[in-house]
N, C-alpha and C. Protein backbone atom coordinates (compact mmCIF):
# COMPACT_ATOMS: atom_id res chain seq x y z
N MET A 1 194.94 -94.23 138.56
CA MET A 1 195.59 -93.66 139.84
C MET A 1 194.54 -92.55 140.47
N ASN A 2 194.11 -91.55 139.83
CA ASN A 2 193.26 -90.66 140.45
C ASN A 2 191.89 -91.38 140.99
N GLU A 3 191.23 -92.27 140.21
CA GLU A 3 190.23 -92.93 140.66
C GLU A 3 190.48 -93.62 141.93
N LEU A 4 191.52 -94.33 142.11
CA LEU A 4 191.93 -94.98 143.25
C LEU A 4 191.99 -94.09 144.43
N ILE A 5 192.66 -92.95 144.10
CA ILE A 5 192.84 -91.82 145.20
C ILE A 5 191.35 -91.42 145.52
N GLU A 6 190.53 -91.17 144.74
CA GLU A 6 189.14 -90.65 144.92
C GLU A 6 188.31 -91.71 145.85
N LEU A 7 188.59 -92.86 145.36
CA LEU A 7 187.77 -93.97 146.01
C LEU A 7 188.41 -94.12 147.58
N LEU A 8 189.64 -93.84 147.83
CA LEU A 8 190.38 -94.10 149.12
C LEU A 8 189.64 -92.97 149.89
N LYS A 9 189.80 -91.64 149.27
CA LYS A 9 189.36 -90.54 150.06
C LYS A 9 187.79 -90.63 150.49
N SER A 10 187.24 -91.44 149.69
CA SER A 10 185.62 -91.54 150.15
C SER A 10 185.48 -92.49 151.33
N GLN A 11 186.46 -93.11 151.63
CA GLN A 11 186.30 -94.30 152.72
C GLN A 11 186.52 -93.68 154.11
N PRO A 12 185.77 -94.18 155.03
CA PRO A 12 185.94 -93.90 156.38
C PRO A 12 187.53 -93.93 156.77
N LYS A 13 187.95 -93.21 158.03
CA LYS A 13 189.17 -93.08 158.23
C LYS A 13 189.60 -94.56 158.78
N GLU A 14 188.96 -95.39 159.38
CA GLU A 14 189.34 -96.45 159.87
C GLU A 14 189.52 -97.50 158.82
N VAL A 15 189.01 -97.42 157.75
CA VAL A 15 189.22 -98.31 156.51
C VAL A 15 190.49 -98.19 155.90
N ILE A 16 190.99 -96.72 155.79
CA ILE A 16 192.23 -96.28 155.29
C ILE A 16 193.24 -96.79 156.16
N GLN A 17 193.10 -96.77 157.51
CA GLN A 17 194.18 -97.19 158.40
C GLN A 17 194.23 -98.49 158.42
N GLY A 18 193.13 -99.35 158.29
CA GLY A 18 193.22 -100.82 158.06
C GLY A 18 193.97 -101.29 156.71
N ILE A 19 193.69 -100.43 155.76
CA ILE A 19 194.56 -100.93 154.54
C ILE A 19 196.15 -100.45 154.59
N ILE A 20 196.41 -99.44 155.37
CA ILE A 20 197.85 -99.09 155.74
C ILE A 20 198.28 -100.36 156.49
N LEU A 21 197.76 -100.81 157.41
CA LEU A 21 197.96 -101.67 158.54
C LEU A 21 198.14 -103.16 157.74
N LEU A 22 197.24 -103.50 156.75
CA LEU A 22 197.55 -104.67 155.93
C LEU A 22 198.67 -104.58 155.22
N LEU A 23 198.93 -103.46 154.50
CA LEU A 23 200.12 -103.17 153.74
C LEU A 23 201.57 -103.46 154.65
N MET A 24 201.49 -102.83 155.80
CA MET A 24 202.56 -103.02 156.84
C MET A 24 202.68 -104.64 156.96
N LYS A 25 201.61 -105.15 157.30
CA LYS A 25 201.83 -106.68 157.83
C LYS A 25 202.37 -107.48 156.43
N ASP A 26 201.96 -107.04 155.50
CA ASP A 26 202.33 -107.74 154.22
C ASP A 26 203.85 -107.53 153.80
N GLY A 27 204.51 -106.57 154.38
CA GLY A 27 205.73 -105.92 154.18
C GLY A 27 205.69 -105.02 152.80
N VAL A 28 204.74 -104.63 152.49
CA VAL A 28 204.73 -103.75 151.25
C VAL A 28 205.32 -102.36 151.61
N ILE A 29 204.79 -101.86 152.84
CA ILE A 29 205.36 -100.73 153.32
C ILE A 29 205.57 -100.72 154.77
N SER A 30 206.72 -99.75 155.07
CA SER A 30 207.13 -99.72 156.54
C SER A 30 206.68 -98.62 157.21
N TYR A 31 206.69 -98.65 158.51
CA TYR A 31 206.60 -97.27 159.35
C TYR A 31 207.68 -96.43 158.90
N GLU A 32 208.87 -96.57 158.59
CA GLU A 32 209.89 -95.84 158.18
C GLU A 32 209.65 -95.04 156.66
N ASP A 33 208.81 -95.93 156.09
CA ASP A 33 208.44 -95.26 154.82
C ASP A 33 207.31 -94.30 154.89
N ILE A 34 206.47 -94.60 155.77
CA ILE A 34 205.32 -93.64 156.06
C ILE A 34 205.75 -92.40 156.80
N THR A 35 206.82 -92.50 157.59
CA THR A 35 207.37 -91.42 158.39
C THR A 35 208.15 -90.57 157.33
N SER A 36 208.89 -91.08 156.45
CA SER A 36 209.79 -90.35 155.42
C SER A 36 208.92 -89.53 154.76
N VAL A 37 207.62 -90.14 154.07
CA VAL A 37 206.76 -89.61 153.22
C VAL A 37 206.07 -88.39 154.08
N TYR A 38 205.94 -88.56 155.26
CA TYR A 38 205.31 -87.47 156.15
C TYR A 38 206.18 -86.43 156.33
N ILE A 39 207.50 -86.51 156.59
CA ILE A 39 208.34 -85.67 156.96
C ILE A 39 208.61 -84.75 155.38
N GLN A 40 208.61 -85.49 154.41
CA GLN A 40 208.63 -84.64 153.10
C GLN A 40 207.41 -83.65 152.72
N TYR A 41 206.27 -84.31 153.23
CA TYR A 41 204.98 -83.40 153.32
C TYR A 41 205.28 -82.32 154.09
N LEU A 42 205.67 -82.45 155.34
CA LEU A 42 205.86 -81.26 156.35
C LEU A 42 206.90 -80.42 155.82
N GLU A 43 207.83 -80.70 155.13
CA GLU A 43 209.02 -80.10 154.64
C GLU A 43 208.46 -79.16 153.44
N GLY A 44 207.55 -79.65 152.79
CA GLY A 44 206.85 -78.98 151.55
C GLY A 44 205.95 -77.97 152.09
N LEU A 45 205.12 -78.24 153.09
CA LEU A 45 204.11 -77.27 153.69
C LEU A 45 205.07 -76.09 154.47
N ARG A 46 206.19 -76.22 155.07
CA ARG A 46 207.10 -75.27 155.61
C ARG A 46 207.59 -74.47 154.57
N LYS A 47 208.25 -74.83 153.37
CA LYS A 47 208.62 -74.11 152.21
C LYS A 47 207.56 -73.31 151.56
N LEU A 48 206.32 -73.91 151.53
CA LEU A 48 205.22 -73.23 151.18
C LEU A 48 204.89 -71.91 151.91
N THR A 49 204.74 -72.28 153.17
CA THR A 49 204.56 -71.13 154.09
C THR A 49 205.36 -70.05 154.17
N ASN A 50 206.69 -70.47 154.07
CA ASN A 50 207.90 -69.48 153.92
C ASN A 50 207.57 -68.63 152.80
N GLU A 51 207.45 -69.17 151.57
CA GLU A 51 207.17 -68.26 150.19
C GLU A 51 206.22 -67.50 150.40
N ASN A 52 204.95 -67.91 151.14
CA ASN A 52 203.77 -67.09 151.01
C ASN A 52 203.98 -65.93 152.15
N TYR A 53 204.79 -66.08 153.15
CA TYR A 53 205.18 -65.17 154.08
C TYR A 53 206.11 -64.09 153.46
N PHE A 54 207.18 -64.47 152.77
CA PHE A 54 207.99 -63.75 152.15
C PHE A 54 207.30 -62.84 150.86
N ALA A 55 206.31 -63.46 150.24
CA ALA A 55 205.36 -62.64 149.25
C ALA A 55 204.55 -61.51 149.83
N LEU A 56 204.17 -61.90 151.19
CA LEU A 56 203.22 -60.88 151.98
C LEU A 56 204.16 -59.84 152.37
N GLN A 57 205.42 -60.21 152.92
CA GLN A 57 206.29 -59.32 153.49
C GLN A 57 206.70 -58.21 152.40
N THR A 58 207.14 -58.88 151.08
CA THR A 58 207.59 -58.14 149.93
C THR A 58 206.30 -56.99 149.85
N LYS A 59 204.91 -57.51 149.87
CA LYS A 59 203.93 -56.50 149.38
C LYS A 59 203.53 -55.42 150.56
N VAL A 60 203.96 -55.93 151.83
CA VAL A 60 203.72 -54.75 152.86
C VAL A 60 204.90 -53.70 152.96
N VAL A 61 206.17 -54.19 152.75
CA VAL A 61 207.36 -53.26 152.42
C VAL A 61 207.16 -52.50 151.16
N GLU A 62 206.68 -52.87 150.19
CA GLU A 62 206.34 -51.99 148.96
C GLU A 62 205.35 -51.04 149.33
N MET A 63 204.28 -51.56 150.11
CA MET A 63 203.23 -50.38 150.51
C MET A 63 203.95 -49.27 151.51
N TRP A 64 204.97 -49.67 152.37
CA TRP A 64 205.40 -48.88 153.31
C TRP A 64 206.32 -47.89 152.49
N ALA A 65 207.05 -48.29 151.71
CA ALA A 65 208.08 -47.60 151.07
C ALA A 65 207.57 -46.86 150.02
N GLY A 66 206.15 -47.15 149.39
CA GLY A 66 205.74 -46.69 148.33
C GLY A 66 205.10 -45.04 148.61
N LYS A 67 204.40 -44.46 147.75
CA LYS A 67 203.79 -43.22 147.56
C LYS A 67 202.67 -43.19 148.53
N LYS A 68 202.44 -42.29 149.31
CA LYS A 68 201.20 -42.47 150.35
C LYS A 68 200.07 -42.65 149.41
N LYS A 69 199.88 -41.84 148.22
CA LYS A 69 198.54 -41.83 147.36
C LYS A 69 198.29 -43.25 146.94
N ASP A 70 199.50 -44.07 146.95
CA ASP A 70 199.20 -45.51 146.23
C ASP A 70 198.72 -46.39 147.42
N ARG A 71 198.82 -46.27 148.76
CA ARG A 71 198.58 -46.99 149.80
C ARG A 71 197.35 -47.68 149.68
N THR A 72 196.41 -47.12 149.27
CA THR A 72 194.97 -47.85 149.26
C THR A 72 194.90 -48.91 148.24
N ASP A 73 195.59 -48.57 146.85
CA ASP A 73 195.72 -49.69 146.02
C ASP A 73 196.81 -50.77 146.48
N SER A 74 197.76 -50.36 147.14
CA SER A 74 198.56 -51.37 147.63
C SER A 74 197.90 -52.41 148.76
N LEU A 75 197.06 -51.51 149.70
CA LEU A 75 196.22 -52.46 150.62
C LEU A 75 195.43 -53.38 149.93
N LYS A 76 194.65 -53.13 149.00
CA LYS A 76 193.96 -53.71 148.31
C LYS A 76 194.66 -54.86 147.61
N ALA A 77 195.70 -54.76 147.05
CA ALA A 77 196.32 -55.90 146.53
C ALA A 77 196.68 -56.77 147.48
N ILE A 78 197.23 -56.32 148.86
CA ILE A 78 197.49 -57.26 149.93
C ILE A 78 196.27 -58.13 150.21
N MET A 79 195.12 -57.23 150.59
CA MET A 79 193.94 -58.19 150.84
C MET A 79 193.48 -59.08 149.71
N LYS A 80 193.68 -58.87 148.48
CA LYS A 80 193.31 -59.84 147.40
C LYS A 80 194.36 -60.97 147.52
N TYR A 81 195.52 -60.77 147.68
CA TYR A 81 196.47 -61.91 147.85
C TYR A 81 196.04 -62.93 149.08
N LEU A 82 195.71 -62.22 150.22
CA LEU A 82 195.30 -62.87 151.38
C LEU A 82 194.05 -63.79 151.08
N LYS A 83 193.06 -63.02 150.31
CA LYS A 83 192.00 -63.73 149.82
C LYS A 83 192.18 -64.75 149.01
N ASP A 84 192.95 -64.59 148.03
CA ASP A 84 193.36 -65.80 147.09
C ASP A 84 194.13 -66.93 147.67
N LYS A 85 194.93 -66.79 148.82
CA LYS A 85 195.56 -67.80 149.62
C LYS A 85 194.67 -68.40 150.61
N GLY A 86 193.29 -68.08 150.72
CA GLY A 86 192.26 -68.55 151.54
C GLY A 86 192.57 -68.06 153.14
N ARG A 87 193.37 -66.94 153.16
CA ARG A 87 193.61 -66.55 154.72
C ARG A 87 192.56 -65.79 155.29
N ILE A 88 191.88 -64.95 154.31
CA ILE A 88 190.59 -64.04 154.76
C ILE A 88 189.37 -64.70 154.12
N ASN A 89 188.34 -64.23 154.76
CA ASN A 89 187.07 -64.52 153.98
C ASN A 89 186.39 -63.23 153.68
N ILE A 90 186.76 -62.78 152.54
CA ILE A 90 186.18 -61.62 151.79
C ILE A 90 186.00 -61.65 150.42
N THR A 91 185.23 -60.73 150.12
CA THR A 91 184.89 -60.93 148.36
C THR A 91 185.65 -60.00 147.64
N ASP A 92 185.87 -60.06 146.30
CA ASP A 92 186.60 -58.95 145.63
C ASP A 92 185.84 -57.63 145.67
N GLU A 93 184.42 -57.94 145.64
CA GLU A 93 183.61 -56.70 145.70
C GLU A 93 183.62 -55.87 146.90
N GLN A 94 183.98 -56.57 148.23
CA GLN A 94 184.26 -55.87 149.40
C GLN A 94 185.41 -55.25 149.28
N ILE A 95 186.45 -55.64 148.78
CA ILE A 95 187.71 -55.29 148.59
C ILE A 95 187.77 -53.99 147.87
N GLU A 96 187.20 -53.92 146.66
CA GLU A 96 187.02 -52.82 145.60
C GLU A 96 186.34 -51.76 146.12
N LYS A 97 185.27 -51.91 147.03
CA LYS A 97 184.44 -50.86 147.50
C LYS A 97 184.96 -49.97 148.67
N HIS A 98 186.11 -50.60 149.32
CA HIS A 98 186.89 -49.94 150.26
C HIS A 98 187.62 -48.58 149.86
N LYS A 99 187.63 -47.74 150.47
CA LYS A 99 188.26 -46.33 150.01
C LYS A 99 189.49 -46.33 150.76
């Protein structure tokens, strides 16, 4: 299955669309099937976005409510979280050298 996926991903978009069209013409898959799967995909993205937002919110609230002397470490943890999620382009070294 992974080999098939990798092969499909290497094809031009028009080829993939053509394959989908042929599958639809042969009755293997319907527009409703495609739409249903896409809706599930979007719901998964929304759930992940919400989870990431709430995790970030928790970190910010902990920083706000925490001791002032711990704010730099808390901010570094938030920056590492954002870096790990791919939301900012920064290195661990840049984060650690910040005072």
